[in-house]
ModelCIF file with pLDDT and N, C-alpha, C, O atoms, coordinates in Angstrom:
data_MODEL
#
_entry.id   MODEL 
#
_entity.id                         1 
_entity.type                       polymer 
_entity.pdbx_number_of_molecules   1 
#
_entity_poly.entity_id                      1 
_entity_poly.type                           'polypeptide(L)' 
_entity_poly.nstd_linkage                   no 
_entity_poly.nstd_monomer                   no 
_entity_poly.pdbx_seq_one_letter_code       
;(UNK)(UNK)(UNK)(UNK)(UNK)(UNK)(UNK)(UNK)(UNK)(UNK)(UNK)(UNK)(UNK)(UNK)(UNK)(UNK)
(UNK)(UNK)(UNK)(UNK)(UNK)(UNK)(UNK)(UNK)(UNK)(UNK)(UNK)(UNK)(UNK)(UNK)(UNK)(UNK)
(UNK)(UNK)(UNK)(UNK)
;
_entity_poly.pdbx_seq_one_letter_code_can   XXXXXXXXXXXXXXXXXXXXXXXXXXXXXXXXXXXX 
_entity_poly.pdbx_strand_id                 A 
#
loop_
_entity_poly_seq.entity_id 
_entity_poly_seq.num 
_entity_poly_seq.mon_id 
_entity_poly_seq.hetero 
1 1  UNK n 
1 2  UNK n 
1 3  UNK n 
1 4  UNK n 
1 5  UNK n 
1 6  UNK n 
1 7  UNK n 
1 8  UNK n 
1 9  UNK n 
1 10 UNK n 
1 11 UNK n 
1 12 UNK n 
1 13 UNK n 
1 14 UNK n 
1 15 UNK n 
1 16 UNK n 
1 17 UNK n 
1 18 UNK n 
1 19 UNK n 
1 20 UNK n 
1 21 UNK n 
1 22 UNK n 
1 23 UNK n 
1 24 UNK n 
1 25 UNK n 
1 26 UNK n 
1 27 UNK n 
1 28 UNK n 
1 29 UNK n 
1 30 UNK n 
1 31 UNK n 
1 32 UNK n 
1 33 UNK n 
1 34 UNK n 
1 35 UNK n 
1 36 UNK n 
#
_struct_asym.id          A 
_struct_asym.entity_id   1 
#
loop_
_ma_qa_metric.id 
_ma_qa_metric.mode 
_ma_qa_metric.name 
_ma_qa_metric.software_group_id 
_ma_qa_metric.type 
1 global pLDDT . pLDDT 
2 local  pLDDT . pLDDT 
#
_ma_qa_metric_global.metric_id      1 
_ma_qa_metric_global.metric_value   92.28 
_ma_qa_metric_global.model_id       1 
_ma_qa_metric_global.ordinal_id     1 
#
loop_
_ma_qa_metric_local.label_asym_id 
_ma_qa_metric_local.label_comp_id 
_ma_qa_metric_local.label_seq_id 
_ma_qa_metric_local.metric_id 
_ma_qa_metric_local.metric_value 
_ma_qa_metric_local.model_id 
_ma_qa_metric_local.ordinal_id 
A UNK 1  2 91.00 1 1  
A UNK 2  2 93.00 1 2  
A UNK 3  2 94.00 1 3  
A UNK 4  2 96.00 1 4  
A UNK 5  2 94.00 1 5  
A UNK 6  2 94.00 1 6  
A UNK 7  2 96.00 1 7  
A UNK 8  2 97.00 1 8  
A UNK 9  2 95.00 1 9  
A UNK 10 2 96.00 1 10 
A UNK 11 2 96.00 1 11 
A UNK 12 2 95.00 1 12 
A UNK 13 2 95.00 1 13 
A UNK 14 2 96.00 1 14 
A UNK 15 2 96.00 1 15 
A UNK 16 2 94.00 1 16 
A UNK 17 2 96.00 1 17 
A UNK 18 2 96.00 1 18 
A UNK 19 2 95.00 1 19 
A UNK 20 2 95.00 1 20 
A UNK 21 2 95.00 1 21 
A UNK 22 2 95.00 1 22 
A UNK 23 2 96.00 1 23 
A UNK 24 2 95.00 1 24 
A UNK 25 2 94.00 1 25 
A UNK 26 2 95.00 1 26 
A UNK 27 2 95.00 1 27 
A UNK 28 2 94.00 1 28 
A UNK 29 2 93.00 1 29 
A UNK 30 2 92.00 1 30 
A UNK 31 2 89.00 1 31 
A UNK 32 2 88.00 1 32 
A UNK 33 2 84.00 1 33 
A UNK 34 2 78.00 1 34 
A UNK 35 2 71.00 1 35 
A UNK 36 2 68.00 1 36 
#
loop_
_atom_site.group_PDB 
_atom_site.id 
_atom_site.type_symbol 
_atom_site.label_atom_id 
_atom_site.label_alt_id 
_atom_site.label_comp_id 
_atom_site.label_asym_id 
_atom_site.label_entity_id 
_atom_site.label_seq_id 
_atom_site.pdbx_PDB_ins_code 
_atom_site.Cartn_x 
_atom_site.Cartn_y 
_atom_site.Cartn_z 
_atom_site.occupancy 
_atom_site.B_iso_or_equiv 
_atom_site.pdbx_formal_charge 
_atom_site.auth_seq_id 
_atom_site.auth_comp_id 
_atom_site.auth_asym_id 
_atom_site.auth_atom_id 
_atom_site.pdbx_PDB_model_num 
ATOM 1   N N  . UNK A 1 1  ? 66.911 -65.342 -108.952 1.00 91.00 ? 1  UNK A N  1 
ATOM 2   C CA . UNK A 1 1  ? 66.359 -66.121 -110.243 1.00 91.00 ? 1  UNK A CA 1 
ATOM 3   C C  . UNK A 1 1  ? 67.062 -67.734 -110.086 1.00 91.00 ? 1  UNK A C  1 
ATOM 4   O O  . UNK A 1 1  ? 66.843 -68.468 -111.050 1.00 91.00 ? 1  UNK A O  1 
ATOM 5   N N  . UNK A 1 2  ? 67.746 -68.225 -109.136 1.00 93.00 ? 2  UNK A N  1 
ATOM 6   C CA . UNK A 1 2  ? 68.198 -69.374 -108.733 1.00 93.00 ? 2  UNK A CA 1 
ATOM 7   C C  . UNK A 1 2  ? 67.442 -70.561 -109.156 1.00 93.00 ? 2  UNK A C  1 
ATOM 8   O O  . UNK A 1 2  ? 66.267 -70.562 -108.791 1.00 93.00 ? 2  UNK A O  1 
ATOM 9   N N  . UNK A 1 3  ? 67.850 -71.593 -109.855 1.00 94.00 ? 3  UNK A N  1 
ATOM 10  C CA . UNK A 1 3  ? 67.325 -72.512 -110.399 1.00 94.00 ? 3  UNK A CA 1 
ATOM 11  C C  . UNK A 1 3  ? 67.329 -73.613 -109.612 1.00 94.00 ? 3  UNK A C  1 
ATOM 12  O O  . UNK A 1 3  ? 67.770 -73.469 -108.472 1.00 94.00 ? 3  UNK A O  1 
ATOM 13  N N  . UNK A 1 4  ? 66.861 -74.904 -110.022 1.00 96.00 ? 4  UNK A N  1 
ATOM 14  C CA . UNK A 1 4  ? 67.441 -75.906 -108.997 1.00 96.00 ? 4  UNK A CA 1 
ATOM 15  C C  . UNK A 1 4  ? 68.632 -76.524 -108.948 1.00 96.00 ? 4  UNK A C  1 
ATOM 16  O O  . UNK A 1 4  ? 68.949 -77.199 -107.970 1.00 96.00 ? 4  UNK A O  1 
ATOM 17  N N  . UNK A 1 5  ? 69.340 -76.377 -109.891 1.00 94.00 ? 5  UNK A N  1 
ATOM 18  C CA . UNK A 1 5  ? 70.950 -76.348 -109.848 1.00 94.00 ? 5  UNK A CA 1 
ATOM 19  C C  . UNK A 1 5  ? 71.729 -75.464 -108.829 1.00 94.00 ? 5  UNK A C  1 
ATOM 20  O O  . UNK A 1 5  ? 72.721 -75.855 -108.213 1.00 94.00 ? 5  UNK A O  1 
ATOM 21  N N  . UNK A 1 6  ? 71.171 -74.235 -108.721 1.00 94.00 ? 6  UNK A N  1 
ATOM 22  C CA . UNK A 1 6  ? 71.722 -73.211 -107.883 1.00 94.00 ? 6  UNK A CA 1 
ATOM 23  C C  . UNK A 1 6  ? 71.422 -73.595 -106.366 1.00 94.00 ? 6  UNK A C  1 
ATOM 24  O O  . UNK A 1 6  ? 72.222 -73.573 -105.431 1.00 94.00 ? 6  UNK A O  1 
ATOM 25  N N  . UNK A 1 7  ? 70.013 -73.968 -106.345 1.00 96.00 ? 7  UNK A N  1 
ATOM 26  C CA . UNK A 1 7  ? 69.787 -74.367 -105.062 1.00 96.00 ? 7  UNK A CA 1 
ATOM 27  C C  . UNK A 1 7  ? 70.611 -75.623 -104.495 1.00 96.00 ? 7  UNK A C  1 
ATOM 28  O O  . UNK A 1 7  ? 71.148 -75.629 -103.387 1.00 96.00 ? 7  UNK A O  1 
ATOM 29  N N  . UNK A 1 8  ? 70.631 -76.577 -105.319 1.00 97.00 ? 8  UNK A N  1 
ATOM 30  C CA . UNK A 1 8  ? 71.561 -77.868 -104.929 1.00 97.00 ? 8  UNK A CA 1 
ATOM 31  C C  . UNK A 1 8  ? 72.874 -77.507 -104.520 1.00 97.00 ? 8  UNK A C  1 
ATOM 32  O O  . UNK A 1 8  ? 73.334 -77.961 -103.471 1.00 97.00 ? 8  UNK A O  1 
ATOM 33  N N  . UNK A 1 9  ? 73.632 -76.602 -105.371 1.00 95.00 ? 9  UNK A N  1 
ATOM 34  C CA . UNK A 1 9  ? 75.049 -76.131 -105.054 1.00 95.00 ? 9  UNK A CA 1 
ATOM 35  C C  . UNK A 1 9  ? 75.213 -75.541 -103.960 1.00 95.00 ? 9  UNK A C  1 
ATOM 36  O O  . UNK A 1 9  ? 76.350 -75.490 -103.493 1.00 95.00 ? 9  UNK A O  1 
ATOM 37  N N  . UNK A 1 10 ? 74.208 -74.993 -103.331 1.00 96.00 ? 10 UNK A N  1 
ATOM 38  C CA . UNK A 1 10 ? 74.398 -74.222 -101.867 1.00 96.00 ? 10 UNK A CA 1 
ATOM 39  C C  . UNK A 1 10 ? 74.320 -75.211 -101.040 1.00 96.00 ? 10 UNK A C  1 
ATOM 40  O O  . UNK A 1 10 ? 75.078 -75.179 -100.071 1.00 96.00 ? 10 UNK A O  1 
ATOM 41  N N  . UNK A 1 11 ? 73.543 -76.161 -101.168 1.00 96.00 ? 11 UNK A N  1 
ATOM 42  C CA . UNK A 1 11 ? 73.572 -77.336 -99.968  1.00 96.00 ? 11 UNK A CA 1 
ATOM 43  C C  . UNK A 1 11 ? 75.064 -77.897 -99.979  1.00 96.00 ? 11 UNK A C  1 
ATOM 44  O O  . UNK A 1 11 ? 75.699 -78.087 -98.942  1.00 96.00 ? 11 UNK A O  1 
ATOM 45  N N  . UNK A 1 12 ? 75.478 -78.102 -101.053 1.00 95.00 ? 12 UNK A N  1 
ATOM 46  C CA . UNK A 1 12 ? 76.728 -78.782 -101.071 1.00 95.00 ? 12 UNK A CA 1 
ATOM 47  C C  . UNK A 1 12 ? 77.706 -77.722 -100.469 1.00 95.00 ? 12 UNK A C  1 
ATOM 48  O O  . UNK A 1 12 ? 78.404 -78.161 -99.555  1.00 95.00 ? 12 UNK A O  1 
ATOM 49  N N  . UNK A 1 13 ? 77.853 -76.679 -100.738 1.00 95.00 ? 13 UNK A N  1 
ATOM 50  C CA . UNK A 1 13 ? 78.489 -75.631 -99.984  1.00 95.00 ? 13 UNK A CA 1 
ATOM 51  C C  . UNK A 1 13 ? 78.233 -75.661 -98.491  1.00 95.00 ? 13 UNK A C  1 
ATOM 52  O O  . UNK A 1 13 ? 79.125 -75.837 -97.662  1.00 95.00 ? 13 UNK A O  1 
ATOM 53  N N  . UNK A 1 14 ? 76.990 -75.482 -98.213  1.00 96.00 ? 14 UNK A N  1 
ATOM 54  C CA . UNK A 1 14 ? 76.548 -75.815 -96.443  1.00 96.00 ? 14 UNK A CA 1 
ATOM 55  C C  . UNK A 1 14 ? 76.852 -76.948 -95.948  1.00 96.00 ? 14 UNK A C  1 
ATOM 56  O O  . UNK A 1 14 ? 77.076 -76.959 -94.737  1.00 96.00 ? 14 UNK A O  1 
ATOM 57  N N  . UNK A 1 15 ? 76.955 -78.227 -96.704  1.00 96.00 ? 15 UNK A N  1 
ATOM 58  C CA . UNK A 1 15 ? 77.801 -79.488 -96.230  1.00 96.00 ? 15 UNK A CA 1 
ATOM 59  C C  . UNK A 1 15 ? 79.155 -79.089 -95.947  1.00 96.00 ? 15 UNK A C  1 
ATOM 60  O O  . UNK A 1 15 ? 79.558 -79.174 -94.786  1.00 96.00 ? 15 UNK A O  1 
ATOM 61  N N  . UNK A 1 16 ? 79.827 -78.710 -96.764  1.00 94.00 ? 16 UNK A N  1 
ATOM 62  C CA . UNK A 1 16 ? 81.260 -78.391 -96.451  1.00 94.00 ? 16 UNK A CA 1 
ATOM 63  C C  . UNK A 1 16 ? 81.658 -77.514 -95.396  1.00 94.00 ? 16 UNK A C  1 
ATOM 64  O O  . UNK A 1 16 ? 82.728 -77.601 -94.792  1.00 94.00 ? 16 UNK A O  1 
ATOM 65  N N  . UNK A 1 17 ? 80.546 -76.459 -95.143  1.00 96.00 ? 17 UNK A N  1 
ATOM 66  C CA . UNK A 1 17 ? 80.903 -75.419 -94.100  1.00 96.00 ? 17 UNK A CA 1 
ATOM 67  C C  . UNK A 1 17 ? 80.775 -76.428 -92.522  1.00 96.00 ? 17 UNK A C  1 
ATOM 68  O O  . UNK A 1 17 ? 81.566 -76.531 -91.584  1.00 96.00 ? 17 UNK A O  1 
ATOM 69  N N  . UNK A 1 18 ? 79.539 -77.001 -92.746  1.00 96.00 ? 18 UNK A N  1 
ATOM 70  C CA . UNK A 1 18 ? 79.092 -77.684 -91.576  1.00 96.00 ? 18 UNK A CA 1 
ATOM 71  C C  . UNK A 1 18 ? 79.992 -79.028 -91.253  1.00 96.00 ? 18 UNK A C  1 
ATOM 72  O O  . UNK A 1 18 ? 80.284 -79.300 -90.089  1.00 96.00 ? 18 UNK A O  1 
ATOM 73  N N  . UNK A 1 19 ? 80.320 -79.670 -92.118  1.00 95.00 ? 19 UNK A N  1 
ATOM 74  C CA . UNK A 1 19 ? 81.071 -80.700 -91.934  1.00 95.00 ? 19 UNK A CA 1 
ATOM 75  C C  . UNK A 1 19 ? 82.560 -80.325 -91.213  1.00 95.00 ? 19 UNK A C  1 
ATOM 76  O O  . UNK A 1 19 ? 83.150 -80.992 -90.363  1.00 95.00 ? 19 UNK A O  1 
ATOM 77  N N  . UNK A 1 20 ? 82.956 -79.104 -91.795  1.00 95.00 ? 20 UNK A N  1 
ATOM 78  C CA . UNK A 1 20 ? 84.399 -78.626 -91.083  1.00 95.00 ? 20 UNK A CA 1 
ATOM 79  C C  . UNK A 1 20 ? 84.238 -77.728 -89.796  1.00 95.00 ? 20 UNK A C  1 
ATOM 80  O O  . UNK A 1 20 ? 85.210 -77.450 -89.094  1.00 95.00 ? 20 UNK A O  1 
ATOM 81  N N  . UNK A 1 21 ? 82.938 -77.281 -89.520  1.00 95.00 ? 21 UNK A N  1 
ATOM 82  C CA . UNK A 1 21 ? 82.852 -76.683 -88.388  1.00 95.00 ? 21 UNK A CA 1 
ATOM 83  C C  . UNK A 1 21 ? 83.321 -75.005 -88.758  1.00 95.00 ? 21 UNK A C  1 
ATOM 84  O O  . UNK A 1 21 ? 83.893 -74.353 -87.885  1.00 95.00 ? 21 UNK A O  1 
ATOM 85  N N  . UNK A 1 22 ? 83.072 -74.493 -89.897  1.00 95.00 ? 22 UNK A N  1 
ATOM 86  C CA . UNK A 1 22 ? 83.948 -73.189 -90.119  1.00 95.00 ? 22 UNK A CA 1 
ATOM 87  C C  . UNK A 1 22 ? 83.196 -72.139 -89.045  1.00 95.00 ? 22 UNK A C  1 
ATOM 88  O O  . UNK A 1 22 ? 83.880 -71.203 -88.630  1.00 95.00 ? 22 UNK A O  1 
ATOM 89  N N  . UNK A 1 23 ? 81.842 -72.263 -88.594  1.00 96.00 ? 23 UNK A N  1 
ATOM 90  C CA . UNK A 1 23 ? 81.398 -71.087 -87.920  1.00 96.00 ? 23 UNK A CA 1 
ATOM 91  C C  . UNK A 1 23 ? 82.184 -71.350 -86.446  1.00 96.00 ? 23 UNK A C  1 
ATOM 92  O O  . UNK A 1 23 ? 82.828 -70.478 -85.864  1.00 96.00 ? 23 UNK A O  1 
ATOM 93  N N  . UNK A 1 24 ? 81.999 -72.713 -85.973  1.00 95.00 ? 24 UNK A N  1 
ATOM 94  C CA . UNK A 1 24 ? 82.634 -72.710 -84.815  1.00 95.00 ? 24 UNK A CA 1 
ATOM 95  C C  . UNK A 1 24 ? 83.922 -72.520 -84.622  1.00 95.00 ? 24 UNK A C  1 
ATOM 96  O O  . UNK A 1 24 ? 84.309 -72.249 -83.485  1.00 95.00 ? 24 UNK A O  1 
ATOM 97  N N  . UNK A 1 25 ? 84.856 -72.628 -85.717  1.00 94.00 ? 25 UNK A N  1 
ATOM 98  C CA . UNK A 1 25 ? 86.042 -72.274 -85.727  1.00 94.00 ? 25 UNK A CA 1 
ATOM 99  C C  . UNK A 1 25 ? 86.562 -70.854 -85.749  1.00 94.00 ? 25 UNK A C  1 
ATOM 100 O O  . UNK A 1 25 ? 87.670 -70.466 -85.377  1.00 94.00 ? 25 UNK A O  1 
ATOM 101 N N  . UNK A 1 26 ? 85.506 -70.107 -86.280  1.00 95.00 ? 26 UNK A N  1 
ATOM 102 C CA . UNK A 1 26 ? 85.679 -68.380 -86.209  1.00 95.00 ? 26 UNK A CA 1 
ATOM 103 C C  . UNK A 1 26 ? 85.242 -68.110 -84.651  1.00 95.00 ? 26 UNK A C  1 
ATOM 104 O O  . UNK A 1 26 ? 86.030 -67.407 -84.018  1.00 95.00 ? 26 UNK A O  1 
ATOM 105 N N  . UNK A 1 27 ? 84.159 -68.553 -84.004  1.00 95.00 ? 27 UNK A N  1 
ATOM 106 C CA . UNK A 1 27 ? 83.846 -68.324 -82.805  1.00 95.00 ? 27 UNK A CA 1 
ATOM 107 C C  . UNK A 1 27 ? 85.073 -68.710 -81.629  1.00 95.00 ? 27 UNK A C  1 
ATOM 108 O O  . UNK A 1 27 ? 85.353 -67.979 -80.679  1.00 95.00 ? 27 UNK A O  1 
ATOM 109 N N  . UNK A 1 28 ? 85.707 -70.000 -81.927  1.00 94.00 ? 28 UNK A N  1 
ATOM 110 C CA . UNK A 1 28 ? 86.566 -70.346 -81.087  1.00 94.00 ? 28 UNK A CA 1 
ATOM 111 C C  . UNK A 1 28 ? 87.904 -69.384 -81.430  1.00 94.00 ? 28 UNK A C  1 
ATOM 112 O O  . UNK A 1 28 ? 88.570 -69.163 -80.419  1.00 94.00 ? 28 UNK A O  1 
ATOM 113 N N  . UNK A 1 29 ? 88.291 -68.926 -82.345  1.00 93.00 ? 29 UNK A N  1 
ATOM 114 C CA . UNK A 1 29 ? 89.410 -68.232 -82.915  1.00 93.00 ? 29 UNK A CA 1 
ATOM 115 C C  . UNK A 1 29 ? 89.133 -66.956 -81.644  1.00 93.00 ? 29 UNK A C  1 
ATOM 116 O O  . UNK A 1 29 ? 89.797 -66.746 -80.630  1.00 93.00 ? 29 UNK A O  1 
ATOM 117 N N  . UNK A 1 30 ? 87.955 -66.271 -82.131  1.00 92.00 ? 30 UNK A N  1 
ATOM 118 C CA . UNK A 1 30 ? 87.950 -64.786 -81.567  1.00 92.00 ? 30 UNK A CA 1 
ATOM 119 C C  . UNK A 1 30 ? 87.489 -64.946 -79.996  1.00 92.00 ? 30 UNK A C  1 
ATOM 120 O O  . UNK A 1 30 ? 87.458 -63.954 -79.267  1.00 92.00 ? 30 UNK A O  1 
ATOM 121 N N  . UNK A 1 31 ? 87.204 -65.995 -79.612  1.00 89.00 ? 31 UNK A N  1 
ATOM 122 C CA . UNK A 1 31 ? 86.942 -66.288 -78.084  1.00 89.00 ? 31 UNK A CA 1 
ATOM 123 C C  . UNK A 1 31 ? 88.566 -66.562 -77.680  1.00 89.00 ? 31 UNK A C  1 
ATOM 124 O O  . UNK A 1 31 ? 88.917 -66.028 -76.627  1.00 89.00 ? 31 UNK A O  1 
ATOM 125 N N  . UNK A 1 32 ? 89.383 -67.185 -78.267  1.00 88.00 ? 32 UNK A N  1 
ATOM 126 C CA . UNK A 1 32 ? 90.736 -67.107 -77.758  1.00 88.00 ? 32 UNK A CA 1 
ATOM 127 C C  . UNK A 1 32 ? 91.913 -66.119 -78.026  1.00 88.00 ? 32 UNK A C  1 
ATOM 128 O O  . UNK A 1 32 ? 93.092 -66.216 -77.685  1.00 88.00 ? 32 UNK A O  1 
ATOM 129 N N  . UNK A 1 33 ? 91.209 -65.042 -78.799  1.00 84.00 ? 33 UNK A N  1 
ATOM 130 C CA . UNK A 1 33 ? 92.197 -64.130 -79.261  1.00 84.00 ? 33 UNK A CA 1 
ATOM 131 C C  . UNK A 1 33 ? 91.601 -62.803 -78.934  1.00 84.00 ? 33 UNK A C  1 
ATOM 132 O O  . UNK A 1 33 ? 91.416 -61.965 -79.817  1.00 84.00 ? 33 UNK A O  1 
ATOM 133 N N  . UNK A 1 34 ? 91.289 -62.588 -77.645  1.00 78.00 ? 34 UNK A N  1 
ATOM 134 C CA . UNK A 1 34 ? 90.699 -61.297 -77.041  1.00 78.00 ? 34 UNK A CA 1 
ATOM 135 C C  . UNK A 1 34 ? 91.255 -60.080 -77.886  1.00 78.00 ? 34 UNK A C  1 
ATOM 136 O O  . UNK A 1 34 ? 90.527 -59.183 -78.311  1.00 78.00 ? 34 UNK A O  1 
ATOM 137 N N  . UNK A 1 35 ? 92.542 -60.142 -78.072  1.00 71.00 ? 35 UNK A N  1 
ATOM 138 C CA . UNK A 1 35 ? 93.468 -59.054 -78.381  1.00 71.00 ? 35 UNK A CA 1 
ATOM 139 C C  . UNK A 1 35 ? 92.906 -58.262 -79.789  1.00 71.00 ? 35 UNK A C  1 
ATOM 140 O O  . UNK A 1 35 ? 92.931 -57.051 -80.003  1.00 71.00 ? 35 UNK A O  1 
ATOM 141 N N  . UNK A 1 36 ? 92.336 -59.460 -80.769  1.00 68.00 ? 36 UNK A N  1 
ATOM 142 C CA . UNK A 1 36 ? 92.103 -59.104 -81.927  1.00 68.00 ? 36 UNK A CA 1 
ATOM 143 C C  . UNK A 1 36 ? 90.767 -57.978 -82.095  1.00 68.00 ? 36 UNK A C  1 
ATOM 144 O O  . UNK A 1 36 ? 90.450 -57.559 -83.208  1.00 68.00 ? 36 UNK A O  1 
#
């Protein structure tokens, strides 16, 4: 039942994840720590 405000805040959240490269950090960590 997300309204326009909820949709907006998700984009703000995604902007932070993309700006910091969160997924890329996870990918790099597990590629360089195969023992995990």
